[in-house]
Amino acid sequence: MLNANTPVISFVAPSGTGKTTLLERVVVKLKQSGLKIATIKHDAHRFDIDIPGKDSWKMAQAGADIVMIASAEKIAIIQKIDEEKELDDLISRIDKVDLILTEGFRISGKPKIEVHRSERSSELRSEPHELLAIASDITWQIGVPCYHIDDVDGVVETIMSYRETYDQTMQRRP
């Protein structure tokens, strides 16, 4: 079941554009506002967060399909899957946050903030109607706010405005 009460915004850009750097700075600023934030990163490559030789790694090597590591401060779940999950499937696993920010998931249908560097591309990857804003080293005039790639406050202002509008829309739903 999709977590429909929580707004989701995807930061999209080609690799090496600076989206992780911008997203990290945005998360810090949003946390200073007192929000609980979840992030989901799409990784087009295979990744492994388990450390060879550790107990959790040994359990996975023994054949466990799900390995959970838990402490008083955090939990981690490592689950083998047969196919890549859709973003909505991942979102449904998150609760008790005020905002979900993703890195990647360009074709997810979620509102986007596109990070653009002119040295990486001469075009945007998203259509204007998909965008909440653009963070770029050049100015775009396509009907959405365009901030300098280092204007974290401007990007956060757009996110907060979207979140407020989203919350008002959700309150009006029966």
C-alpha atoms as a PDB file:
ATOM      1  CA  MET A   1       0.000   0.000   0.000  1.00  0.00           C
ATOM      2  CA  LEU A   2       1.475   3.333  -1.086  1.00  0.00           C
ATOM      3  CA  ASN A   3       2.132   5.856   1.676  1.00  0.00           C
ATOM      4  CA  ALA A   4      -0.204   8.415   0.039  1.00  0.00           C
ATOM      5  CA  ASN A   5      -0.108  10.885   2.926  1.00  0.00           C
ATOM      6  CA  THR A   6       3.588  11.606   2.484  1.00  0.00           C
ATOM      7  CA  PRO A   7       4.795  13.811  -0.355  1.00  0.00           C
ATOM      8  CA  VAL A   8       7.523  12.374  -2.575  1.00  0.00           C
ATOM      9  CA  ILE A   9       9.943  14.429  -4.667  1.00  0.00           C
ATOM     10  CA  SER A  10      12.573  12.928  -6.974  1.00  0.00           C
ATOM     11  CA  PHE A  11      15.915  14.597  -7.616  1.00  0.00           C
ATOM     12  CA  VAL A  12      16.952  13.599 -11.127  1.00  0.00           C
ATOM     13  CA  ALA A  13      20.069  14.155 -13.214  1.00  0.00           C
ATOM     14  CA  PRO A  14      22.729  12.257 -15.093  1.00  0.00           C
ATOM     15  CA  SER A  15      25.508  10.773 -12.995  1.00  0.00           C
ATOM     16  CA  GLY A  16      28.216  13.263 -12.042  1.00  0.00           C
ATOM     17  CA  THR A  17      25.930  16.302 -12.110  1.00  0.00           C
ATOM     18  CA  GLY A  18      25.934  16.971  -8.376  1.00  0.00           C
ATOM     19  CA  LYS A  19      22.494  15.704  -7.380  1.00  0.00           C
ATOM     20  CA  THR A  20      23.811  13.819  -4.335  1.00  0.00           C
ATOM     21  CA  THR A  21      25.667  16.907  -3.115  1.00  0.00           C
ATOM     22  CA  LEU A  22      22.593  19.102  -3.560  1.00  0.00           C
ATOM     23  CA  LEU A  23      20.270  16.523  -2.010  1.00  0.00           C
ATOM     24  CA  GLU A  24      22.550  16.152   1.010  1.00  0.00           C
ATOM     25  CA  ARG A  25      22.537  19.909   1.562  1.00  0.00           C
ATOM     26  CA  VAL A  26      18.746  20.030   1.144  1.00  0.00           C
ATOM     27  CA  VAL A  27      18.259  17.251   3.719  1.00  0.00           C
ATOM     28  CA  VAL A  28      20.403  19.147   6.251  1.00  0.00           C
ATOM     29  CA  LYS A  29      18.313  22.292   5.732  1.00  0.00           C
ATOM     30  CA  LEU A  30      15.004  20.426   5.954  1.00  0.00           C
ATOM     31  CA  LYS A  31      16.118  18.662   9.147  1.00  0.00           C
ATOM     32  CA  GLN A  32      16.850  22.101  10.646  1.00  0.00           C
ATOM     33  CA  SER A  33      13.158  22.855  10.038  1.00  0.00           C
ATOM     34  CA  GLY A  34      12.251  19.889  12.229  1.00  0.00           C
ATOM     35  CA  LEU A  35      11.040  17.569   9.462  1.00  0.00           C
ATOM     36  CA  LYS A  36      11.473  13.807   9.491  1.00  0.00           C
ATOM     37  CA  ILE A  37      12.983  12.886   6.128  1.00  0.00           C
ATOM     38  CA  ALA A  38      13.369   9.597   4.265  1.00  0.00           C
ATOM     39  CA  THR A  39      15.591   9.239   1.232  1.00  0.00           C
ATOM     40  CA  ILE A  40      15.609   6.486  -1.361  1.00  0.00           C
ATOM     41  CA  LYS A  41      18.510   6.203  -3.792  1.00  0.00           C
ATOM     42  CA  HIS A  42      18.190   4.326  -7.034  1.00  0.00           C
ATOM     43  CA  ASP A  43      21.364   2.446  -7.911  1.00  0.00           C
ATOM     44  CA  ALA A  44      21.609   1.233 -11.490  1.00  0.00           C
ATOM     45  CA  HIS A  45      24.603  -0.890 -10.498  1.00  0.00           C
ATOM     46  CA  ARG A  46      24.746  -3.829  -8.157  1.00  0.00           C
ATOM     47  CA  PHE A  47      25.586  -2.824  -4.613  1.00  0.00           C
ATOM     48  CA  ASP A  48      26.428  -4.701  -1.446  1.00  0.00           C
ATOM     49  CA  ILE A  49      26.141  -3.149   1.998  1.00  0.00           C
ATOM     50  CA  ASP A  50      27.077  -6.285   3.882  1.00  0.00           C
ATOM     51  CA  ILE A  51      30.661  -6.775   5.037  1.00  0.00           C
ATOM     52  CA  PRO A  52      32.298 -10.135   4.288  1.00  0.00           C
ATOM     53  CA  GLY A  53      33.065 -12.026   7.491  1.00  0.00           C
ATOM     54  CA  LYS A  54      30.419 -10.272   9.630  1.00  0.00           C
ATOM     55  CA  ASP A  55      27.598 -12.342  11.135  1.00  0.00           C
ATOM     56  CA  SER A  56      24.935 -10.848   8.843  1.00  0.00           C
ATOM     57  CA  TRP A  57      27.077 -11.649   5.802  1.00  0.00           C
ATOM     58  CA  LYS A  58      27.492 -15.218   7.060  1.00  0.00           C
ATOM     59  CA  MET A  59      23.707 -15.594   7.377  1.00  0.00           C
ATOM     60  CA  ALA A  60      23.200 -14.358   3.815  1.00  0.00           C
ATOM     61  CA  GLN A  61      25.919 -16.704   2.571  1.00  0.00           C
ATOM     62  CA  ALA A  62      24.166 -19.549   4.395  1.00  0.00           C
ATOM     63  CA  GLY A  63      21.059 -18.849   2.311  1.00  0.00           C
ATOM     64  CA  ALA A  64      18.881 -16.494   4.346  1.00  0.00           C
ATOM     65  CA  ASP A  65      16.579 -14.537   2.029  1.00  0.00           C
ATOM     66  CA  ILE A  66      16.194 -11.684   4.513  1.00  0.00           C
ATOM     67  CA  VAL A  67      18.815 -10.597   7.022  1.00  0.00           C
ATOM     68  CA  MET A  68      17.926  -7.925   9.574  1.00  0.00           C
ATOM     69  CA  ILE A  69      20.439  -6.124  11.739  1.00  0.00           C
ATOM     70  CA  ALA A  70      18.976  -4.279  14.720  1.00  0.00           C
ATOM     71  CA  SER A  71      20.333  -2.094  17.495  1.00  0.00           C
ATOM     72  CA  ALA A  72      18.881   0.470  19.870  1.00  0.00           C
ATOM     73  CA  GLU A  73      19.553   3.196  17.267  1.00  0.00           C
ATOM     74  CA  LYS A  74      18.768   1.716  13.845  1.00  0.00           C
ATOM     75  CA  ILE A  75      17.775  -1.286  11.794  1.00  0.00           C
ATOM     76  CA  ALA A  76      18.877  -2.511   8.393  1.00  0.00           C
ATOM     77  CA  ILE A  77      17.143  -5.090   6.276  1.00  0.00           C
ATOM     78  CA  ILE A  78      18.943  -6.854   3.477  1.00  0.00           C
ATOM     79  CA  GLN A  79      16.499  -8.738   1.296  1.00  0.00           C
ATOM     80  CA  LYS A  80      17.168 -10.740  -1.838  1.00  0.00           C
ATOM     81  CA  ILE A  81      14.694  -9.894  -4.586  1.00  0.00           C
ATOM     82  CA  ASP A  82      13.890 -11.514  -7.915  1.00  0.00           C
ATOM     83  CA  GLU A  83      13.239  -8.276  -9.777  1.00  0.00           C
ATOM     84  CA  GLU A  84      13.732  -4.570  -9.264  1.00  0.00           C
ATOM     85  CA  LYS A  85      11.005  -2.973  -7.152  1.00  0.00           C
ATOM     86  CA  GLU A  86       8.900  -0.064  -8.337  1.00  0.00           C
ATOM     87  CA  LEU A  87       9.300   3.180  -6.398  1.00  0.00           C
ATOM     88  CA  ASP A  88       5.784   2.918  -4.953  1.00  0.00           C
ATOM     89  CA  ASP A  89       6.664  -0.521  -3.536  1.00  0.00           C
ATOM     90  CA  LEU A  90       9.679   1.000  -1.787  1.00  0.00           C
ATOM     91  CA  ILE A  91       7.680   3.977  -0.524  1.00  0.00           C
ATOM     92  CA  SER A  92       5.107   1.630   1.020  1.00  0.00           C
ATOM     93  CA  ARG A  93       7.814   0.362   3.388  1.00  0.00           C
ATOM     94  CA  ILE A  94       8.396   3.816   4.884  1.00  0.00           C
ATOM     95  CA  ASP A  95       6.311   5.331   7.648  1.00  0.00           C
ATOM     96  CA  LYS A  96       6.369   8.152  10.168  1.00  0.00           C
ATOM     97  CA  VAL A  97       8.171  10.709   8.019  1.00  0.00           C
ATOM     98  CA  ASP A  98       7.104  14.121   6.748  1.00  0.00           C
ATOM     99  CA  LEU A  99       8.754  13.921   3.338  1.00  0.00           C
ATOM    100  CA  ILE A 100      10.336  11.329   1.057  1.00  0.00           C
ATOM    101  CA  LEU A 101      13.111  12.467  -1.270  1.00  0.00           C
ATOM    102  CA  THR A 102      14.459  10.163  -3.929  1.00  0.00           C
ATOM    103  CA  GLU A 103      17.615  10.288  -5.927  1.00  0.00           C
ATOM    104  CA  GLY A 104      16.972   8.975  -9.381  1.00  0.00           C
ATOM    105  CA  PHE A 105      13.712   7.252 -10.320  1.00  0.00           C
ATOM    106  CA  ARG A 106      13.361   9.607 -13.292  1.00  0.00           C
ATOM    107  CA  ILE A 107      10.458   7.665 -14.824  1.00  0.00           C
ATOM    108  CA  SER A 108       8.536   7.177 -11.565  1.00  0.00           C
ATOM    109  CA  GLY A 109       5.881   9.812 -12.266  1.00  0.00           C
ATOM    110  CA  LYS A 110       6.722  11.697  -9.049  1.00  0.00           C
ATOM    111  CA  PRO A 111       7.301  15.473  -9.087  1.00  0.00           C
ATOM    112  CA  LYS A 112      10.924  16.239  -9.878  1.00  0.00           C
ATOM    113  CA  ILE A 113      13.683  18.683  -9.201  1.00  0.00           C
ATOM    114  CA  GLU A 114      16.135  18.352 -12.041  1.00  0.00           C
ATOM    115  CA  VAL A 115      19.786  19.068 -11.353  1.00  0.00           C
ATOM    116  CA  HIS A 116      21.561  20.270 -14.484  1.00  0.00           C
ATOM    117  CA  ARG A 117      25.114  21.186 -15.401  1.00  0.00           C
ATOM    118  CA  SER A 118      25.733  22.658 -18.832  1.00  0.00           C
ATOM    119  CA  GLU A 119      29.044  20.789 -19.156  1.00  0.00           C
ATOM    120  CA  ARG A 120      27.190  17.455 -18.804  1.00  0.00           C
ATOM    121  CA  SER A 121      24.237  18.150 -21.113  1.00  0.00           C
ATOM    122  CA  SER A 122      22.691  20.881 -23.218  1.00  0.00           C
ATOM    123  CA  GLU A 123      19.149  19.662 -22.539  1.00  0.00           C
ATOM    124  CA  LEU A 124      16.935  18.821 -19.618  1.00  0.00           C
ATOM    125  CA  ARG A 125      15.863  15.195 -19.179  1.00  0.00           C
ATOM    126  CA  SER A 126      12.392  16.007 -17.842  1.00  0.00           C
ATOM    127  CA  GLU A 127       9.370  17.647 -19.397  1.00  0.00           C
ATOM    128  CA  PRO A 128       8.364  21.000 -17.840  1.00  0.00           C
ATOM    129  CA  HIS A 129       5.035  19.600 -16.509  1.00  0.00           C
ATOM    130  CA  GLU A 130       6.998  16.992 -14.477  1.00  0.00           C
ATOM    131  CA  LEU A 131       9.179  19.560 -12.733  1.00  0.00           C
ATOM    132  CA  LEU A 132       8.795  21.468  -9.486  1.00  0.00           C
ATOM    133  CA  ALA A 133      12.091  23.268 -10.115  1.00  0.00           C
ATOM    134  CA  ILE A 134      15.474  23.171 -11.783  1.00  0.00           C
ATOM    135  CA  ALA A 135      18.846  23.603 -10.057  1.00  0.00           C
ATOM    136  CA  SER A 136      21.407  24.496 -12.712  1.00  0.00           C
ATOM    137  CA  ASP A 137      24.532  26.429 -13.568  1.00  0.00           C
ATOM    138  CA  ILE A 138      22.551  28.190 -16.328  1.00  0.00           C
ATOM    139  CA  THR A 139      19.121  29.850 -16.366  1.00  0.00           C
ATOM    140  CA  TRP A 140      16.156  28.020 -17.852  1.00  0.00           C
ATOM    141  CA  GLN A 141      12.931  29.826 -18.801  1.00  0.00           C
ATOM    142  CA  ILE A 142      10.392  26.994 -19.009  1.00  0.00           C
ATOM    143  CA  GLY A 143       7.749  28.052 -16.497  1.00  0.00           C
ATOM    144  CA  VAL A 144       9.174  26.496 -13.322  1.00  0.00           C
ATOM    145  CA  PRO A 145      11.524  28.014 -10.764  1.00  0.00           C
ATOM    146  CA  CYS A 146      15.160  27.812 -11.789  1.00  0.00           C
ATOM    147  CA  TYR A 147      17.763  28.119  -9.047  1.00  0.00           C
ATOM    148  CA  HIS A 148      21.513  28.203  -9.184  1.00  0.00           C
ATOM    149  CA  ILE A 149      22.834  24.736  -8.393  1.00  0.00           C
ATOM    150  CA  ASP A 150      24.186  26.073  -5.073  1.00  0.00           C
ATOM    151  CA  ASP A 151      20.944  27.836  -4.048  1.00  0.00           C
ATOM    152  CA  VAL A 152      19.888  25.339  -1.404  1.00  0.00           C
ATOM    153  CA  ASP A 153      17.528  27.852   0.230  1.00  0.00           C
ATOM    154  CA  GLY A 154      15.632  28.350  -3.034  1.00  0.00           C
ATOM    155  CA  VAL A 155      15.279  24.604  -3.595  1.00  0.00           C
ATOM    156  CA  VAL A 156      14.131  24.101   0.010  1.00  0.00           C
ATOM    157  CA  GLU A 157      11.601  26.933  -0.375  1.00  0.00           C
ATOM    158  CA  THR A 158      10.098  25.145  -3.385  1.00  0.00           C
ATOM    159  CA  ILE A 159       9.989  21.843  -1.484  1.00  0.00           C
ATOM    160  CA  MET A 160       8.308  23.443   1.534  1.00  0.00           C
ATOM    161  CA  SER A 161       5.754  25.177  -0.690  1.00  0.00           C
ATOM    162  CA  TYR A 162       4.983  21.900  -2.467  1.00  0.00           C
ATOM    163  CA  ARG A 163       4.707  20.080   0.870  1.00  0.00           C
ATOM    164  CA  GLU A 164       2.266  22.694   2.198  1.00  0.00           C
ATOM    165  CA  THR A 165       0.106  22.457  -0.929  1.00  0.00           C
ATOM    166  CA  TYR A 166       0.254  18.652  -0.791  1.00  0.00           C
ATOM    167  CA  ASP A 167      -0.793  18.633   2.874  1.00  0.00           C
ATOM    168  CA  GLN A 168      -3.741  20.961   2.152  1.00  0.00           C
ATOM    169  CA  THR A 169      -4.851  18.743  -0.719  1.00  0.00           C
ATOM    170  CA  MET A 170      -4.660  15.627   1.460  1.00  0.00           C
ATOM    171  CA  GLN A 171      -6.710  17.304   4.225  1.00  0.00           C
ATOM    172  CA  ARG A 172      -9.518  18.015   1.751  1.00  0.00           C
ATOM    173  CA  ARG A 173      -9.756  14.359   0.709  1.00  0.00           C
ATOM    174  CA  PRO A 174     -12.626  12.378   2.218  1.00  0.00           C
END
